[in-house]
Amino acid sequence: MSELYVKRIRDLREDSDKTQKEVADFLGTSQTMYARYERGANELPLRHLVALCKYYRVSSDYILGLSDKKR
């Protein structure tokens, strides 16, 4: 996966004034694992990508860096 998605998920979280713990709770994962996604240490599972798209109301293409349009 593109390194851009790592920056995008962090920026979306920060722009929404959410903590890693809040997003991790929404995804049903630990804060530690979510932090690993934001650092690029672990790849983001597809189910979490879909959930984040719904959470932030953005397209998967935006998160993955395939488009600069959020919707």
PDB file of N, CA and C in Angstrom:
ATOM      1  N   MET A   1       0.837  -1.192   0.000  1.00  0.00           N
ATOM      2  CA  MET A   1       0.000   0.000   0.000  1.00  0.00           C
ATOM      3  C   MET A   1       0.876   1.248   0.000  1.00  0.00           C
ATOM      4  N   SER A   2       0.307   2.276  -0.489  1.00  0.00           N
ATOM      5  CA  SER A   2       1.005   3.547  -0.580  1.00  0.00           C
ATOM      6  C   SER A   2       1.278   4.127   0.806  1.00  0.00           C
ATOM      7  N   GLU A   3       2.412   4.780   0.925  1.00  0.00           N
ATOM      8  CA  GLU A   3       2.711   5.469   2.189  1.00  0.00           C
ATOM      9  C   GLU A   3       1.764   6.638   2.411  1.00  0.00           C
ATOM     10  N   LEU A   4       1.135   7.097   1.350  1.00  0.00           N
ATOM     11  CA  LEU A   4       0.230   8.232   1.479  1.00  0.00           C
ATOM     12  C   LEU A   4      -0.960   7.900   2.387  1.00  0.00           C
ATOM     13  N   TYR A   5      -1.421   6.653   2.370  1.00  0.00           N
ATOM     14  CA  TYR A   5      -2.575   6.323   3.218  1.00  0.00           C
ATOM     15  C   TYR A   5      -2.233   6.503   4.696  1.00  0.00           C
ATOM     16  N   VAL A   6      -0.969   6.268   5.059  1.00  0.00           N
ATOM     17  CA  VAL A   6      -0.541   6.439   6.446  1.00  0.00           C
ATOM     18  C   VAL A   6      -0.721   7.904   6.860  1.00  0.00           C
ATOM     19  N   LYS A   7      -0.292   8.800   6.012  1.00  0.00           N
ATOM     20  CA  LYS A   7      -0.444  10.235   6.291  1.00  0.00           C
ATOM     21  C   LYS A   7      -1.918  10.631   6.284  1.00  0.00           C
ATOM     22  N   ARG A   8      -2.671  10.086   5.349  1.00  0.00           N
ATOM     23  CA  ARG A   8      -4.082  10.460   5.244  1.00  0.00           C
ATOM     24  C   ARG A   8      -4.878  10.026   6.461  1.00  0.00           C
ATOM     25  N   ILE A   9      -4.663   8.801   6.956  1.00  0.00           N
ATOM     26  CA  ILE A   9      -5.467   8.381   8.113  1.00  0.00           C
ATOM     27  C   ILE A   9      -5.089   9.169   9.359  1.00  0.00           C
ATOM     28  N   ARG A  10      -3.819   9.556   9.469  1.00  0.00           N
ATOM     29  CA  ARG A  10      -3.402  10.387  10.610  1.00  0.00           C
ATOM     30  C   ARG A  10      -4.003  11.785  10.489  1.00  0.00           C
ATOM     31  N   ASP A  11      -3.906  12.371   9.290  1.00  0.00           N
ATOM     32  CA  ASP A  11      -4.446  13.724   9.082  1.00  0.00           C
ATOM     33  C   ASP A  11      -5.964  13.757   9.295  1.00  0.00           C
ATOM     34  N   LEU A  12      -6.672  12.750   8.798  1.00  0.00           N
ATOM     35  CA  LEU A  12      -8.124  12.702   8.989  1.00  0.00           C
ATOM     36  C   LEU A  12      -8.462  12.645  10.471  1.00  0.00           C
ATOM     37  N   ARG A  13      -7.723  11.832  11.207  1.00  0.00           N
ATOM     38  CA  ARG A  13      -7.968  11.714  12.655  1.00  0.00           C
ATOM     39  C   ARG A  13      -7.696  13.034  13.356  1.00  0.00           C
ATOM     40  N   GLU A  14      -6.553  13.638  13.060  1.00  0.00           N
ATOM     41  CA  GLU A  14      -6.193  14.896  13.723  1.00  0.00           C
ATOM     42  C   GLU A  14      -7.156  16.017  13.343  1.00  0.00           C
ATOM     43  N   ASP A  15      -7.553  16.068  12.064  1.00  0.00           N
ATOM     44  CA  ASP A  15      -8.492  17.104  11.619  1.00  0.00           C
ATOM     45  C   ASP A  15      -9.858  16.942  12.277  1.00  0.00           C
ATOM     46  N   SER A  16     -10.179  15.732  12.693  1.00  0.00           N
ATOM     47  CA  SER A  16     -11.457  15.457  13.360  1.00  0.00           C
ATOM     48  C   SER A  16     -11.348  15.552  14.876  1.00  0.00           C
ATOM     49  N   ASP A  17     -10.162  15.947  15.352  1.00  0.00           N
ATOM     50  CA  ASP A  17      -9.907  16.057  16.799  1.00  0.00           C
ATOM     51  C   ASP A  17     -10.224  14.760  17.542  1.00  0.00           C
ATOM     52  N   LYS A  18      -9.823  13.644  16.948  1.00  0.00           N
ATOM     53  CA  LYS A  18     -10.013  12.334  17.567  1.00  0.00           C
ATOM     54  C   LYS A  18      -8.665  11.804  18.048  1.00  0.00           C
ATOM     55  N   THR A  19      -8.709  11.015  19.099  1.00  0.00           N
ATOM     56  CA  THR A  19      -7.493  10.356  19.578  1.00  0.00           C
ATOM     57  C   THR A  19      -7.358   9.010  18.870  1.00  0.00           C
ATOM     58  N   GLN A  20      -6.156   8.459  18.928  1.00  0.00           N
ATOM     59  CA  GLN A  20      -5.962   7.117  18.375  1.00  0.00           C
ATOM     60  C   GLN A  20      -6.873   6.123  19.088  1.00  0.00           C
ATOM     61  N   LYS A  21      -7.055   6.293  20.372  1.00  0.00           N
ATOM     62  CA  LYS A  21      -7.905   5.389  21.161  1.00  0.00           C
ATOM     63  C   LYS A  21      -9.346   5.447  20.691  1.00  0.00           C
ATOM     64  N   GLU A  22      -9.854   6.639  20.421  1.00  0.00           N
ATOM     65  CA  GLU A  22     -11.235   6.782  19.953  1.00  0.00           C
ATOM     66  C   GLU A  22     -11.441   6.064  18.617  1.00  0.00           C
ATOM     67  N   VAL A  23     -10.502   6.244  17.701  1.00  0.00           N
ATOM     68  CA  VAL A  23     -10.617   5.599  16.393  1.00  0.00           C
ATOM     69  C   VAL A  23     -10.450   4.088  16.543  1.00  0.00           C
ATOM     70  N   ALA A  24      -9.506   3.666  17.359  1.00  0.00           N
ATOM     71  CA  ALA A  24      -9.292   2.239  17.597  1.00  0.00           C
ATOM     72  C   ALA A  24     -10.547   1.598  18.180  1.00  0.00           C
ATOM     73  N   ASP A  25     -11.191   2.259  19.127  1.00  0.00           N
ATOM     74  CA  ASP A  25     -12.428   1.742  19.717  1.00  0.00           C
ATOM     75  C   ASP A  25     -13.511   1.584  18.655  1.00  0.00           C
ATOM     76  N   PHE A  26     -13.626   2.570  17.774  1.00  0.00           N
ATOM     77  CA  PHE A  26     -14.602   2.494  16.683  1.00  0.00           C
ATOM     78  C   PHE A  26     -14.315   1.286  15.793  1.00  0.00           C
ATOM     79  N   LEU A  27     -13.041   1.036  15.523  1.00  0.00           N
ATOM     80  CA  LEU A  27     -12.660  -0.073  14.652  1.00  0.00           C
ATOM     81  C   LEU A  27     -12.697  -1.426  15.363  1.00  0.00           C
ATOM     82  N   GLY A  28     -12.786  -1.397  16.682  1.00  0.00           N
ATOM     83  CA  GLY A  28     -12.774  -2.639  17.435  1.00  0.00           C
ATOM     84  C   GLY A  28     -11.391  -3.247  17.548  1.00  0.00           C
ATOM     85  N   THR A  29     -10.391  -2.374  17.609  1.00  0.00           N
ATOM     86  CA  THR A  29      -9.004  -2.820  17.749  1.00  0.00           C
ATOM     87  C   THR A  29      -8.360  -2.050  18.893  1.00  0.00           C
ATOM     88  N   SER A  30      -7.117  -2.370  19.182  1.00  0.00           N
ATOM     89  CA  SER A  30      -6.420  -1.678  20.267  1.00  0.00           C
ATOM     90  C   SER A  30      -5.791  -0.380  19.764  1.00  0.00           C
ATOM     91  N   GLN A  31      -5.533   0.516  20.690  1.00  0.00           N
ATOM     92  CA  GLN A  31      -4.845   1.763  20.346  1.00  0.00           C
ATOM     93  C   GLN A  31      -3.458   1.445  19.807  1.00  0.00           C
ATOM     94  N   THR A  32      -2.810   0.448  20.377  1.00  0.00           N
ATOM     95  CA  THR A  32      -1.465   0.062  19.927  1.00  0.00           C
ATOM     96  C   THR A  32      -1.485  -0.377  18.467  1.00  0.00           C
ATOM     97  N   MET A  33      -2.454  -1.205  18.105  1.00  0.00           N
ATOM     98  CA  MET A  33      -2.539  -1.670  16.710  1.00  0.00           C
ATOM     99  C   MET A  33      -2.864  -0.516  15.785  1.00  0.00           C
ATOM    100  N   TYR A  34      -3.790   0.366  16.210  1.00  0.00           N
ATOM    101  CA  TYR A  34      -4.122   1.510  15.354  1.00  0.00           C
ATOM    102  C   TYR A  34      -2.896   2.404  15.150  1.00  0.00           C
ATOM    103  N   ALA A  35      -2.114   2.606  16.198  1.00  0.00           N
ATOM    104  CA  ALA A  35      -0.889   3.406  16.083  1.00  0.00           C
ATOM    105  C   ALA A  35       0.060   2.772  15.064  1.00  0.00           C
ATOM    106  N   ARG A  36       0.095   1.441  15.023  1.00  0.00           N
ATOM    107  CA  ARG A  36       0.935   0.740  14.043  1.00  0.00           C
ATOM    108  C   ARG A  36       0.448   1.011  12.620  1.00  0.00           C
ATOM    109  N   TYR A  37      -0.864   1.121  12.424  1.00  0.00           N
ATOM    110  CA  TYR A  37      -1.389   1.480  11.100  1.00  0.00           C
ATOM    111  C   TYR A  37      -0.918   2.877  10.710  1.00  0.00           C
ATOM    112  N   GLU A  38      -0.994   3.816  11.649  1.00  0.00           N
ATOM    113  CA  GLU A  38      -0.602   5.196  11.356  1.00  0.00           C
ATOM    114  C   GLU A  38       0.897   5.341  11.087  1.00  0.00           C
ATOM    115  N   ARG A  39       1.689   4.456  11.662  1.00  0.00           N
ATOM    116  CA  ARG A  39       3.139   4.485  11.410  1.00  0.00           C
ATOM    117  C   ARG A  39       3.531   3.692  10.172  1.00  0.00           C
ATOM    118  N   GLY A  40       2.593   2.909   9.664  1.00  0.00           N
ATOM    119  CA  GLY A  40       2.898   2.067   8.520  1.00  0.00           C
ATOM    120  C   GLY A  40       3.588   0.766   8.904  1.00  0.00           C
ATOM    121  N   ALA A  41       3.619   0.453  10.202  1.00  0.00           N
ATOM    122  CA  ALA A  41       4.249  -0.782  10.671  1.00  0.00           C
ATOM    123  C   ALA A  41       3.387  -1.999  10.332  1.00  0.00           C
ATOM    124  N   ASN A  42       2.071  -1.806  10.287  1.00  0.00           N
ATOM    125  CA  ASN A  42       1.130  -2.849   9.875  1.00  0.00           C
ATOM    126  C   ASN A  42       0.247  -2.278   8.784  1.00  0.00           C
ATOM    127  N   GLU A  43      -0.119  -3.125   7.824  1.00  0.00           N
ATOM    128  CA  GLU A  43      -1.045  -2.681   6.791  1.00  0.00           C
ATOM    129  C   GLU A  43      -2.456  -2.618   7.368  1.00  0.00           C
ATOM    130  N   LEU A  44      -3.190  -1.648   6.907  1.00  0.00           N
ATOM    131  CA  LEU A  44      -4.570  -1.449   7.329  1.00  0.00           C
ATOM    132  C   LEU A  44      -5.445  -2.522   6.695  1.00  0.00           C
ATOM    133  N   PRO A  45      -6.149  -3.332   7.489  1.00  0.00           N
ATOM    134  CA  PRO A  45      -7.039  -4.347   6.910  1.00  0.00           C
ATOM    135  C   PRO A  45      -8.165  -3.697   6.105  1.00  0.00           C
ATOM    136  N   LEU A  46      -8.622  -4.408   5.102  1.00  0.00           N
ATOM    137  CA  LEU A  46      -9.678  -3.897   4.242  1.00  0.00           C
ATOM    138  C   LEU A  46     -10.918  -3.509   5.035  1.00  0.00           C
ATOM    139  N   ARG A  47     -11.303  -4.310   6.015  1.00  0.00           N
ATOM    140  CA  ARG A  47     -12.506  -3.994   6.813  1.00  0.00           C
ATOM    141  C   ARG A  47     -12.330  -2.677   7.565  1.00  0.00           C
ATOM    142  N   HIS A  48     -11.106  -2.375   7.974  1.00  0.00           N
ATOM    143  CA  HIS A  48     -10.854  -1.112   8.667  1.00  0.00           C
ATOM    144  C   HIS A  48     -10.826   0.050   7.681  1.00  0.00           C
ATOM    145  N   LEU A  49     -10.329  -0.181   6.477  1.00  0.00           N
ATOM    146  CA  LEU A  49     -10.374   0.858   5.451  1.00  0.00           C
ATOM    147  C   LEU A  49     -11.814   1.256   5.172  1.00  0.00           C
ATOM    148  N   VAL A  50     -12.674   0.271   4.984  1.00  0.00           N
ATOM    149  CA  VAL A  50     -14.090   0.544   4.712  1.00  0.00           C
ATOM    150  C   VAL A  50     -14.722   1.293   5.889  1.00  0.00           C
ATOM    151  N   ALA A  51     -14.428   0.845   7.102  1.00  0.00           N
ATOM    152  CA  ALA A  51     -14.988   1.493   8.294  1.00  0.00           C
ATOM    153  C   ALA A  51     -14.514   2.942   8.408  1.00  0.00           C
ATOM    154  N   LEU A  52     -13.236   3.202   8.119  1.00  0.00           N
ATOM    155  CA  LEU A  52     -12.712   4.572   8.194  1.00  0.00           C
ATOM    156  C   LEU A  52     -13.341   5.465   7.129  1.00  0.00           C
ATOM    157  N   CYS A  53     -13.617   4.915   5.958  1.00  0.00           N
ATOM    158  CA  CYS A  53     -14.293   5.688   4.909  1.00  0.00           C
ATOM    159  C   CYS A  53     -15.658   6.162   5.397  1.00  0.00           C
ATOM    160  N   LYS A  54     -16.374   5.268   6.057  1.00  0.00           N
ATOM    161  CA  LYS A  54     -17.696   5.631   6.596  1.00  0.00           C
ATOM    162  C   LYS A  54     -17.560   6.606   7.761  1.00  0.00           C
ATOM    163  N   TYR A  55     -16.594   6.368   8.622  1.00  0.00           N
ATOM    164  CA  TYR A  55     -16.373   7.201   9.813  1.00  0.00           C
ATOM    165  C   TYR A  55     -16.071   8.651   9.437  1.00  0.00           C
ATOM    166  N   TYR A  56     -15.168   8.806   8.458  1.00  0.00           N
ATOM    167  CA  TYR A  56     -14.754  10.157   8.052  1.00  0.00           C
ATOM    168  C   TYR A  56     -15.543  10.690   6.853  1.00  0.00           C
ATOM    169  N   ARG A  57     -16.404   9.839   6.283  1.00  0.00           N
ATOM    170  CA  ARG A  57     -17.197  10.219   5.110  1.00  0.00           C
ATOM    171  C   ARG A  57     -16.311  10.650   3.950  1.00  0.00           C
ATOM    172  N   VAL A  58     -15.344   9.785   3.657  1.00  0.00           N
ATOM    173  CA  VAL A  58     -14.442  10.007   2.519  1.00  0.00           C
ATOM    174  C   VAL A  58     -14.399   8.722   1.690  1.00  0.00           C
ATOM    175  N   SER A  59     -13.884   8.846   0.471  1.00  0.00           N
ATOM    176  CA  SER A  59     -13.772   7.673  -0.388  1.00  0.00           C
ATOM    177  C   SER A  59     -12.502   6.881  -0.061  1.00  0.00           C
ATOM    178  N   SER A  60     -12.527   5.618  -0.417  1.00  0.00           N
ATOM    179  CA  SER A  60     -11.325   4.793  -0.246  1.00  0.00           C
ATOM    180  C   SER A  60     -10.215   5.306  -1.155  1.00  0.00           C
ATOM    181  N   ASP A  61     -10.563   5.811  -2.328  1.00  0.00           N
ATOM    182  CA  ASP A  61      -9.543   6.373  -3.222  1.00  0.00           C
ATOM    183  C   ASP A  61      -8.811   7.527  -2.549  1.00  0.00           C
ATOM    184  N   TYR A  62      -9.535   8.329  -1.777  1.00  0.00           N
ATOM    185  CA  TYR A  62      -8.894   9.438  -1.068  1.00  0.00           C
ATOM    186  C   TYR A  62      -7.906   8.906  -0.023  1.00  0.00           C
ATOM    187  N   ILE A  63      -8.359   7.981   0.815  1.00  0.00           N
ATOM    188  CA  ILE A  63      -7.471   7.453   1.854  1.00  0.00           C
ATOM    189  C   ILE A  63      -6.255   6.781   1.233  1.00  0.00           C
ATOM    190  N   LEU A  64      -6.453   6.060   0.143  1.00  0.00           N
ATOM    191  CA  LEU A  64      -5.349   5.331  -0.483  1.00  0.00           C
ATOM    192  C   LEU A  64      -4.439   6.214  -1.329  1.00  0.00           C
ATOM    193  N   GLY A  65      -4.817   7.478  -1.498  1.00  0.00           N
ATOM    194  CA  GLY A  65      -3.976   8.395  -2.264  1.00  0.00           C
ATOM    195  C   GLY A  65      -4.170   8.312  -3.760  1.00  0.00           C
ATOM    196  N   LEU A  66      -5.258   7.678  -4.175  1.00  0.00           N
ATOM    197  CA  LEU A  66      -5.540   7.562  -5.604  1.00  0.00           C
ATOM    198  C   LEU A  66      -6.299   8.780  -6.141  1.00  0.00           C
ATOM    199  N   SER A  67      -6.815   9.583  -5.218  1.00  0.00           N
ATOM    200  CA  SER A  67      -7.555  10.786  -5.580  1.00  0.00           C
ATOM    201  C   SER A  67      -7.366  11.830  -4.493  1.00  0.00           C
ATOM    202  N   ASP A  68      -7.438  13.084  -4.865  1.00  0.00           N
ATOM    203  CA  ASP A  68      -7.384  14.158  -3.873  1.00  0.00           C
ATOM    204  C   ASP A  68      -8.782  14.636  -3.491  1.00  0.00           C
ATOM    205  N   LYS A  69      -9.812  14.052  -4.118  1.00  0.00           N
ATOM    206  CA  LYS A  69     -11.196  14.362  -3.774  1.00  0.00           C
ATOM    207  C   LYS A  69     -11.611  13.500  -2.604  1.00  0.00           C
ATOM    208  N   LYS A  70     -12.139  14.127  -1.570  1.00  0.00           N
ATOM    209  CA  LYS A  70     -12.525  13.384  -0.388  1.00  0.00           C
ATOM    210  C   LYS A  70     -13.754  12.516  -0.612  1.00  0.00           C
ATOM    211  N   ARG A  71     -14.632  12.913  -1.519  1.00  0.00           N
ATOM    212  CA  ARG A  71     -15.862  12.138  -1.761  1.00  0.00           C
ATOM    213  C   ARG A  71     -15.939  11.666  -3.172  1.00  0.00           C
TER     214      ARG A  71
END
